[in-house]
Amino acid sequence: MMNRRQFLARSAMFGGAAWLAASAPGKLLAAAAQGKPLGIQLYMVLKAYQDDPMGTLKTLKAIGYSEIEAIVTSTAKTLRDQLNEAGLGCPSLHFDSLGIEPGIEAAHTLGTQYFVSSMLPSFMEKMSGGTKATYSRDDAKRTADFANQIGEKARQAGLQYAYHNHHLEFTEVGQGQTFYDVLLKETDPKLVKFELDCGWVHAGGKNPADIFKANPGRIPLMHAKDFLPSSKPDEYPGAELGRGTVDYKPIMAAADKAGLKHCFVEQEGPFSRMSQLDAARVDFAYLRPLR
């Protein structure tokens, strides 16, 4: 199975053309009823979902997840009907595989509030005919400008745009700043919010808790992700939460104080130790007490 960055890069090619173990189940469900909503990115269980859509969504509900963050692999209406049957909410959509205008239409069909770019530099790369993103200061300013444009389109459509990061956004660009720092500074806070992928922040050498503390109100969404240690450059083997290198206790505390609205579990592959759904169970059991 291709990793998420490969999937997004491939999806952006098509989207750009459009516009340029675990605890006992009963205990988990009881905890879910008492705590804040806890969601999962559909991409994490994509193979399971493609093999058995309704079985997968109902299993996620039974585990204790109350919402999913969508990617659309068939039609938005199909996914909406499946989520309604499973009893799952859908507050957020990643639009890269669709494009901006079709993504807005899908978001309306699904009833989402947040309209999220998975890998905006790659999306822009495909739109420009292959001009490679360098993650320089100038690229950061161009990306921020484009994010503001998307944010305005989303606002006009009654949606809130949010930018999802990977690790390269934490590349140093001079003047003591990272690419991500420039994005935060150069984007309109009303038009552009952020979805902090904490695993990729950690992989980029930064502390997610520090980013939440420094930016109250800008980060309503997050991905909870972990990685196993690796000695190979640019290799990031996914780990179940609590079994890798990231401690989420201080992160969740900082996130909640900073105004976090939705937290989505998203584990990278390979799923060699257990299935995607078993990993979803382990991830939920770890994160639920912290949420």
Protein backbone atom coordinates (compact mmCIF):
# COMPACT_ATOMS: atom_id res chain seq x y z
CA MET A 1 0.00 0.00 0.00
CA MET A 2 1.38 3.44 -0.91
CA ASN A 3 2.19 5.76 1.97
CA ARG A 4 0.11 8.86 2.59
CA ARG A 5 2.51 11.30 0.96
CA GLN A 6 2.63 9.17 -2.20
CA PHE A 7 -1.18 8.94 -2.17
CA LEU A 8 -1.54 12.70 -1.77
CA ALA A 9 1.01 13.48 -4.45
CA ARG A 10 -0.86 11.25 -6.88
CA SER A 11 -4.22 12.68 -5.82
CA ALA A 12 -2.99 16.26 -6.21
CA MET A 13 -2.21 15.55 -9.84
CA PHE A 14 -5.90 15.00 -10.47
CA GLY A 15 -7.15 17.63 -8.01
CA GLY A 16 -4.89 20.29 -9.49
CA ALA A 17 -6.44 19.75 -12.87
CA ALA A 18 -9.82 20.63 -11.41
CA TRP A 19 -8.65 23.89 -9.90
CA LEU A 20 -5.47 24.30 -9.93
CA ALA A 21 -4.77 -4.90 23.68
CA ALA A 22 -7.13 -2.16 23.77
CA SER A 23 -9.51 -1.70 26.67
CA ALA A 24 -12.85 -3.52 26.75
CA PRO A 25 -15.29 -2.07 24.20
CA GLY A 26 -17.87 -1.24 26.83
CA LYS A 27 -15.40 0.83 28.81
CA LEU A 28 -14.23 2.61 25.68
CA LEU A 29 -17.77 3.53 24.70
CA ALA A 30 -18.49 4.84 28.17
CA ALA A 31 -15.35 6.98 28.07
CA ALA A 32 -16.28 8.25 24.63
CA ALA A 33 -19.68 9.37 25.88
CA GLN A 34 -18.06 11.39 28.67
CA GLY A 35 -15.18 12.99 26.76
CA LYS A 36 -14.80 15.29 23.81
CA PRO A 37 -15.32 13.99 20.27
CA LEU A 38 -12.54 11.80 18.96
CA GLY A 39 -12.26 11.14 15.24
CA ILE A 40 -10.17 9.29 12.71
CA GLN A 41 -8.90 10.19 9.24
CA LEU A 42 -10.56 7.88 6.74
CA TYR A 43 -7.26 7.44 4.92
CA MET A 44 -5.90 5.47 7.89
CA VAL A 45 -8.40 2.67 7.29
CA LEU A 46 -8.68 3.14 3.54
CA LYS A 47 -8.02 -0.48 2.55
CA ALA A 48 -10.47 -1.78 5.13
CA TYR A 49 -13.03 0.79 3.99
CA GLN A 50 -12.61 -0.09 0.32
CA ASP A 51 -12.97 -3.81 1.12
CA ASP A 52 -16.02 -3.36 3.36
CA PRO A 53 -17.31 0.23 3.62
CA MET A 54 -20.19 -0.21 6.03
CA GLY A 55 -18.49 -2.89 8.10
CA THR A 56 -15.48 -0.62 8.58
CA LEU A 57 -17.48 2.47 9.49
CA LYS A 58 -19.65 0.54 11.95
CA THR A 59 -16.53 -0.96 13.52
CA LEU A 60 -15.07 2.53 14.00
CA LYS A 61 -18.30 3.59 15.68
CA ALA A 62 -18.21 0.51 17.92
CA ILE A 63 -14.62 1.24 18.92
CA GLY A 64 -15.78 4.65 20.13
CA TYR A 65 -14.93 7.08 17.35
CA SER A 66 -17.71 9.61 16.85
CA GLU A 67 -16.52 11.32 13.66
CA ILE A 68 -14.31 10.87 10.65
CA GLU A 69 -12.28 13.27 8.56
CA ALA A 70 -13.18 12.56 4.97
CA ILE A 71 -11.38 11.83 1.80
CA VAL A 72 -13.72 11.08 -1.08
CA THR A 73 -12.86 7.97 -3.07
CA SER A 74 -16.23 7.38 -4.79
CA THR A 75 -18.88 10.08 -4.41
CA ALA A 76 -19.58 12.44 -1.55
CA LYS A 77 -23.23 11.38 -1.52
CA THR A 78 -22.26 7.72 -1.14
CA LEU A 79 -19.96 8.54 1.75
CA ARG A 80 -22.56 10.81 3.36
CA ASP A 81 -25.20 8.07 3.26
CA GLN A 82 -22.74 5.53 4.67
CA LEU A 83 -21.74 7.85 7.52
CA ASN A 84 -25.37 8.57 8.34
CA GLU A 85 -26.11 4.85 8.51
CA ALA A 86 -23.08 4.24 10.74
CA GLY A 87 -23.90 7.18 13.01
CA LEU A 88 -20.64 9.03 12.40
CA GLY A 89 -20.18 12.77 12.02
CA CYS A 90 -17.99 14.38 9.37
CA PRO A 91 -16.78 17.85 10.37
CA SER A 92 -13.79 18.00 8.01
CA LEU A 93 -12.81 17.12 4.43
CA HIS A 94 -9.39 16.90 2.74
CA PHE A 95 -9.97 18.18 -0.78
CA ASP A 96 -6.67 17.58 -2.64
CA SER A 97 -7.86 14.52 -4.54
CA LEU A 98 -10.89 16.45 -5.81
CA GLY A 99 -9.71 19.98 -6.49
CA ILE A 100 -11.04 23.16 -4.97
CA GLU A 101 -14.39 23.73 -6.67
CA PRO A 102 -15.41 20.04 -6.67
CA GLY A 103 -14.12 19.86 -3.11
CA ILE A 104 -16.40 22.68 -2.02
CA GLU A 105 -19.34 20.86 -3.60
CA ALA A 106 -18.36 17.65 -1.79
CA ALA A 107 -18.02 19.52 1.50
CA HIS A 108 -21.57 20.83 1.12
CA THR A 109 -22.85 17.35 0.33
CA LEU A 110 -21.12 15.90 3.39
CA GLY A 111 -22.13 18.80 5.61
CA THR A 112 -18.57 19.52 6.73
CA GLN A 113 -17.40 22.74 8.33
CA TYR A 114 -13.66 22.51 7.64
CA PHE A 115 -12.14 22.44 4.15
CA VAL A 116 -8.57 21.18 4.44
CA SER A 117 -5.59 20.96 2.10
CA SER A 118 -3.54 17.83 2.73
CA MET A 119 -0.33 18.96 1.01
CA LEU A 120 -0.78 22.45 -0.38
CA PRO A 121 2.79 22.86 -1.76
CA SER A 122 2.37 19.65 -3.79
CA PHE A 123 -1.09 20.75 -4.92
CA MET A 124 0.41 24.02 -6.14
CA GLU A 125 3.25 22.13 -7.81
CA LYS A 126 0.81 20.16 -9.94
CA MET A 127 -1.18 23.28 -10.78
CA SER A 128 1.96 25.08 -11.98
CA GLY A 129 2.96 22.24 -14.30
CA GLY A 130 5.57 20.64 -12.08
CA THR A 131 7.55 23.54 -10.59
CA LYS A 132 8.99 21.78 -7.57
CA ALA A 133 8.33 23.23 -4.12
CA THR A 134 11.61 24.15 -2.43
CA TYR A 135 10.25 25.11 1.01
CA SER A 136 12.13 28.41 0.86
CA ARG A 137 10.99 31.72 2.35
CA ASP A 138 9.73 32.86 -1.04
CA ASP A 139 7.83 29.59 -1.45
CA ALA A 140 6.33 30.06 2.00
CA LYS A 141 5.05 33.52 1.02
CA ARG A 142 3.61 32.21 -2.25
CA THR A 143 1.96 29.35 -0.39
CA ALA A 144 0.53 31.73 2.19
CA ASP A 145 -0.90 33.92 -0.57
CA PHE A 146 -2.52 30.92 -2.22
CA ALA A 147 -3.86 29.73 1.14
CA ASN A 148 -5.49 33.13 1.62
CA GLN A 149 -7.15 32.77 -1.80
CA ILE A 150 -8.51 29.35 -0.90
CA GLY A 151 -9.61 30.68 2.46
CA GLU A 152 -11.62 33.43 0.78
CA LYS A 153 -13.27 30.95 -1.58
CA ALA A 154 -14.10 28.71 1.36
CA ARG A 155 -15.52 31.66 3.33
CA GLN A 156 -17.76 32.64 0.43
CA ALA A 157 -19.00 29.03 0.36
CA GLY A 158 -19.74 29.00 4.08
CA LEU A 159 -16.71 26.86 4.94
CA GLN A 160 -13.52 27.32 6.95
CA TYR A 161 -10.25 26.52 5.21
CA ALA A 162 -7.43 24.86 7.17
CA TYR A 163 -3.85 24.00 6.22
CA HIS A 164 -2.50 20.53 7.09
CA ASN A 165 1.27 20.16 7.42
CA HIS A 166 3.91 17.52 6.81
CA HIS A 167 7.49 17.64 8.14
CA LEU A 168 9.01 19.85 5.44
CA GLU A 169 7.03 22.86 6.66
CA PHE A 170 9.50 22.98 9.55
CA THR A 171 12.44 23.66 7.27
CA GLU A 172 14.42 26.70 8.41
CA VAL A 173 14.02 29.64 6.00
CA GLY A 174 16.22 32.23 7.72
CA GLN A 175 15.68 35.01 10.25
CA GLY A 176 15.06 32.37 12.90
CA GLN A 177 11.88 31.22 11.19
CA THR A 178 10.56 28.05 9.61
CA PHE A 179 8.37 27.75 6.53
CA TYR A 180 5.47 27.14 8.94
CA ASP A 181 6.24 30.32 10.90
CA VAL A 182 5.95 32.31 7.67
CA LEU A 183 2.62 30.66 6.86
CA LEU A 184 1.27 31.63 10.28
CA LYS A 185 2.45 35.22 9.88
CA GLU A 186 1.43 35.78 6.26
CA THR A 187 -2.04 34.23 6.31
CA ASP A 188 -5.23 35.98 7.40
CA PRO A 189 -6.32 34.41 10.72
CA LYS A 190 -9.97 34.69 9.69
CA LEU A 191 -9.46 32.94 6.36
CA VAL A 192 -6.76 30.40 7.19
CA LYS A 193 -6.80 28.06 10.17
CA PHE A 194 -4.44 25.14 10.68
CA GLU A 195 -4.68 21.42 11.21
CA LEU A 196 -1.54 20.51 13.13
CA ASP A 197 -0.27 17.04 12.25
CA CYS A 198 1.65 16.45 15.46
CA GLY A 199 3.53 13.39 14.22
CA TRP A 200 4.93 15.31 11.26
CA VAL A 201 5.77 18.28 13.52
CA HIS A 202 7.80 15.91 15.69
CA ALA A 203 9.46 14.40 12.60
CA GLY A 204 10.35 17.95 11.55
CA GLY A 205 12.21 18.50 14.82
CA LYS A 206 9.68 20.74 16.58
CA ASN A 207 7.43 20.37 19.61
CA PRO A 208 3.68 20.38 18.80
CA ALA A 209 2.80 21.61 22.30
CA ASP A 210 4.90 24.74 21.75
CA ILE A 211 3.08 25.50 18.50
CA PHE A 212 -0.33 25.16 20.15
CA LYS A 213 0.75 27.42 23.04
CA ALA A 214 2.06 30.10 20.67
CA ASN A 215 -1.02 30.15 18.44
CA PRO A 216 -4.26 30.09 20.45
CA GLY A 217 -7.32 30.11 18.22
CA ARG A 218 -5.46 29.31 15.00
CA ILE A 219 -5.43 25.50 15.26
CA PRO A 220 -8.94 24.04 15.59
CA LEU A 221 -7.93 20.66 14.11
CA MET A 222 -5.13 18.18 14.73
CA HIS A 223 -3.86 14.78 13.66
CA ALA A 224 -2.56 12.44 16.35
CA LYS A 225 0.20 10.38 14.74
CA ASP A 226 3.28 8.50 15.88
CA PHE A 227 6.38 7.05 14.24
CA LEU A 228 8.86 4.32 15.08
CA PRO A 229 12.51 5.36 15.31
CA SER A 230 14.36 4.99 11.99
CA SER A 231 18.02 5.31 11.04
CA LYS A 232 17.19 5.92 7.37
CA PRO A 233 16.65 9.48 6.12
CA ASP A 234 13.16 10.33 4.88
CA GLU A 235 11.76 7.04 6.18
CA TYR A 236 8.94 7.34 8.68
CA PRO A 237 7.43 3.98 9.68
CA GLY A 238 4.09 4.47 11.36
CA ALA A 239 3.49 3.40 14.94
CA GLU A 240 0.42 2.94 17.07
CA LEU A 241 -0.06 5.86 19.45
CA GLY A 242 1.95 5.34 22.61
CA ARG A 243 4.27 2.85 20.93
CA GLY A 244 6.46 5.25 19.02
CA THR A 245 8.36 8.44 19.82
CA VAL A 246 5.66 11.03 20.61
CA ASP A 247 4.22 11.71 24.08
CA TYR A 248 0.71 13.07 23.58
CA LYS A 249 -0.10 13.94 27.20
CA PRO A 250 1.47 17.44 27.09
CA ILE A 251 0.36 17.92 23.50
CA MET A 252 -3.30 17.28 24.25
CA ALA A 253 -3.18 19.54 27.31
CA ALA A 254 -1.74 22.39 25.23
CA ALA A 255 -4.13 21.73 22.35
CA ASP A 256 -7.22 21.94 24.53
CA LYS A 257 -6.05 25.20 26.11
CA ALA A 258 -5.39 26.61 22.62
CA GLY A 259 -8.96 25.95 21.47
CA LEU A 260 -8.76 22.59 19.70
CA LYS A 261 -12.12 21.54 18.25
CA HIS A 262 -11.47 18.20 16.54
CA CYS A 263 -8.78 15.57 16.97
CA PHE A 264 -8.33 12.89 14.30
CA VAL A 265 -6.20 9.78 14.69
CA GLU A 266 -4.14 9.08 11.59
CA GLN A 267 -1.52 6.35 11.54
CA GLU A 268 0.90 5.88 8.67
CA GLY A 269 1.68 2.41 7.36
CA PRO A 270 2.98 -0.14 6.99
CA PHE A 271 0.37 -2.11 8.92
CA SER A 272 2.61 -5.14 9.38
CA ARG A 273 2.09 -5.66 13.13
CA MET A 274 -1.70 -5.62 13.02
CA SER A 275 -4.59 -4.66 10.74
CA GLN A 276 -5.72 -1.08 10.19
CA LEU A 277 -8.80 -1.58 12.36
CA ASP A 278 -6.82 -3.23 15.16
CA ALA A 279 -4.43 -0.28 15.05
CA ALA A 280 -7.43 2.05 15.25
CA ARG A 281 -8.45 0.24 18.45
CA VAL A 282 -5.00 0.65 20.01
CA ASP A 283 -4.86 4.32 19.00
CA PHE A 284 -8.28 5.02 20.49
CA ALA A 285 -7.42 3.27 23.76
CA TYR A 286 -4.29 5.40 24.12
CA LEU A 287 -5.78 8.76 23.18
CA ARG A 288 -9.26 8.59 24.73
CA PRO A 289 -8.07 9.16 28.33
CA LEU A 290 -6.11 12.22 27.19
CA ARG A 291 -9.00 13.78 25.29
